[in-house]
């Protein structure tokens, strides 16, 4: 963070470029893991008389599934 704070504090473009290169070099050396895949598609079961359920349901972490699909609007016929 010290380098980043120095980068923000300077107005000299040459010094900014040098600091940014140093930050990127550190990031390159310290970047150990990168995700290369996504979770597989899941499935769900819906009873035949349940209505207003979407065909697909996004998987969410911050807004847990099934919240993004407004489950309070589901109903039974």
C-alpha atoms as a PDB file:
ATOM      1  CA  UNK A   1       0.000   0.000   0.000  1.00  0.00           C
ATOM      2  CA  UNK A   2       2.947   2.288   0.581  1.00  0.00           C
ATOM      3  CA  UNK A   3       3.848   2.217  -3.116  1.00  0.00           C
ATOM      4  CA  UNK A   4       0.236   2.857  -4.101  1.00  0.00           C
ATOM      5  CA  UNK A   5       0.001   5.812  -1.721  1.00  0.00           C
ATOM      6  CA  UNK A   6       3.243   7.205  -3.154  1.00  0.00           C
ATOM      7  CA  UNK A   7       1.812   6.709  -6.673  1.00  0.00           C
ATOM      8  CA  UNK A   8      -1.301   8.686  -5.764  1.00  0.00           C
ATOM      9  CA  UNK A   9       0.711  11.439  -4.090  1.00  0.00           C
ATOM     10  CA  UNK A  10       3.032  12.194  -7.008  1.00  0.00           C
ATOM     11  CA  UNK A  11       2.160  14.382  -9.958  1.00  0.00           C
ATOM     12  CA  UNK A  12       5.184  13.430 -12.058  1.00  0.00           C
ATOM     13  CA  UNK A  13       4.087  11.082 -14.833  1.00  0.00           C
ATOM     14  CA  UNK A  14       7.502   9.428 -15.135  1.00  0.00           C
ATOM     15  CA  UNK A  15       7.608   8.663 -11.431  1.00  0.00           C
ATOM     16  CA  UNK A  16       4.017   7.372 -11.582  1.00  0.00           C
ATOM     17  CA  UNK A  17       4.959   4.977 -14.390  1.00  0.00           C
ATOM     18  CA  UNK A  18       8.008   3.729 -12.466  1.00  0.00           C
ATOM     19  CA  UNK A  19       5.949   3.160  -9.307  1.00  0.00           C
ATOM     20  CA  UNK A  20       3.213   1.387 -11.259  1.00  0.00           C
ATOM     21  CA  UNK A  21       5.755  -0.916 -12.916  1.00  0.00           C
ATOM     22  CA  UNK A  22       7.125  -1.755  -9.473  1.00  0.00           C
ATOM     23  CA  UNK A  23       3.611  -2.474  -8.168  1.00  0.00           C
ATOM     24  CA  UNK A  24       2.870  -4.718 -11.153  1.00  0.00           C
ATOM     25  CA  UNK A  25       6.169  -6.570 -10.717  1.00  0.00           C
ATOM     26  CA  UNK A  26       5.322  -7.280  -7.061  1.00  0.00           C
ATOM     27  CA  UNK A  27       1.813  -8.383  -8.075  1.00  0.00           C
ATOM     28  CA  UNK A  28       3.271 -10.721 -10.708  1.00  0.00           C
ATOM     29  CA  UNK A  29       5.574 -12.356  -8.168  1.00  0.00           C
ATOM     30  CA  UNK A  30       2.942 -12.611  -5.413  1.00  0.00           C
ATOM     31  CA  UNK A  31      -0.044 -13.727  -7.506  1.00  0.00           C
ATOM     32  CA  UNK A  32      -0.180 -17.418  -6.626  1.00  0.00           C
ATOM     33  CA  UNK A  33      -3.672 -18.524  -7.601  1.00  0.00           C
ATOM     34  CA  UNK A  34      -6.130 -17.700 -10.363  1.00  0.00           C
ATOM     35  CA  UNK A  35      -9.442 -19.386 -10.962  1.00  0.00           C
ATOM     36  CA  UNK A  36      -9.687 -21.142 -14.306  1.00  0.00           C
ATOM     37  CA  UNK A  37     -13.150 -22.673 -14.132  1.00  0.00           C
ATOM     38  CA  UNK A  38     -16.674 -22.071 -12.936  1.00  0.00           C
ATOM     39  CA  UNK A  39     -18.884 -24.364 -10.878  1.00  0.00           C
ATOM     40  CA  UNK A  40     -20.896 -26.888 -12.871  1.00  0.00           C
ATOM     41  CA  UNK A  41     -24.555 -26.197 -13.536  1.00  0.00           C
ATOM     42  CA  UNK A  42     -26.825 -27.485 -10.844  1.00  0.00           C
ATOM     43  CA  UNK A  43     -30.434 -28.581 -11.074  1.00  0.00           C
ATOM     44  CA  UNK A  44     -33.592 -28.160  -9.087  1.00  0.00           C
ATOM     45  CA  UNK A  45     -36.936 -29.853  -8.830  1.00  0.00           C
ATOM     46  CA  UNK A  46     -40.206 -27.986  -9.012  1.00  0.00           C
ATOM     47  CA  UNK A  47     -43.553 -29.587  -8.345  1.00  0.00           C
ATOM     48  CA  UNK A  48     -45.847 -29.594 -11.399  1.00  0.00           C
ATOM     49  CA  UNK A  49     -48.462 -27.328  -9.785  1.00  0.00           C
ATOM     50  CA  UNK A  50     -45.963 -24.663  -8.681  1.00  0.00           C
ATOM     51  CA  UNK A  51     -46.093 -21.523 -10.802  1.00  0.00           C
ATOM     52  CA  UNK A  52     -44.034 -18.399 -11.463  1.00  0.00           C
ATOM     53  CA  UNK A  53     -40.760 -20.271 -11.001  1.00  0.00           C
ATOM     54  CA  UNK A  54     -38.127 -19.194 -13.560  1.00  0.00           C
ATOM     55  CA  UNK A  55     -36.578 -21.701 -15.981  1.00  0.00           C
ATOM     56  CA  UNK A  56     -33.092 -20.801 -14.771  1.00  0.00           C
ATOM     57  CA  UNK A  57     -31.880 -19.607 -11.387  1.00  0.00           C
ATOM     58  CA  UNK A  58     -28.649 -17.642 -10.930  1.00  0.00           C
ATOM     59  CA  UNK A  59     -26.312 -18.973  -8.284  1.00  0.00           C
ATOM     60  CA  UNK A  60     -25.368 -16.121  -5.966  1.00  0.00           C
ATOM     61  CA  UNK A  61     -23.108 -15.748  -2.961  1.00  0.00           C
ATOM     62  CA  UNK A  62     -23.815 -12.232  -1.697  1.00  0.00           C
ATOM     63  CA  UNK A  63     -27.538 -12.539  -2.374  1.00  0.00           C
ATOM     64  CA  UNK A  64     -28.082 -16.267  -1.757  1.00  0.00           C
ATOM     65  CA  UNK A  65     -30.092 -18.398  -4.135  1.00  0.00           C
ATOM     66  CA  UNK A  66     -33.125 -18.358  -4.658  1.00  0.00           C
ATOM     67  CA  UNK A  67     -33.339 -14.687  -3.572  1.00  0.00           C
ATOM     68  CA  UNK A  68     -32.546 -13.196  -7.022  1.00  0.00           C
ATOM     69  CA  UNK A  69     -35.690 -14.863  -8.448  1.00  0.00           C
ATOM     70  CA  UNK A  70     -38.143 -13.295  -5.932  1.00  0.00           C
ATOM     71  CA  UNK A  71     -39.421 -16.548  -4.383  1.00  0.00           C
ATOM     72  CA  UNK A  72     -42.212 -14.688  -2.571  1.00  0.00           C
ATOM     73  CA  UNK A  73     -43.929 -14.531  -5.980  1.00  0.00           C
ATOM     74  CA  UNK A  74     -44.000 -18.321  -6.401  1.00  0.00           C
ATOM     75  CA  UNK A  75     -47.443 -19.846  -5.923  1.00  0.00           C
ATOM     76  CA  UNK A  76     -49.297 -23.146  -6.097  1.00  0.00           C
ATOM     77  CA  UNK A  77     -52.130 -23.580  -8.553  1.00  0.00           C
END
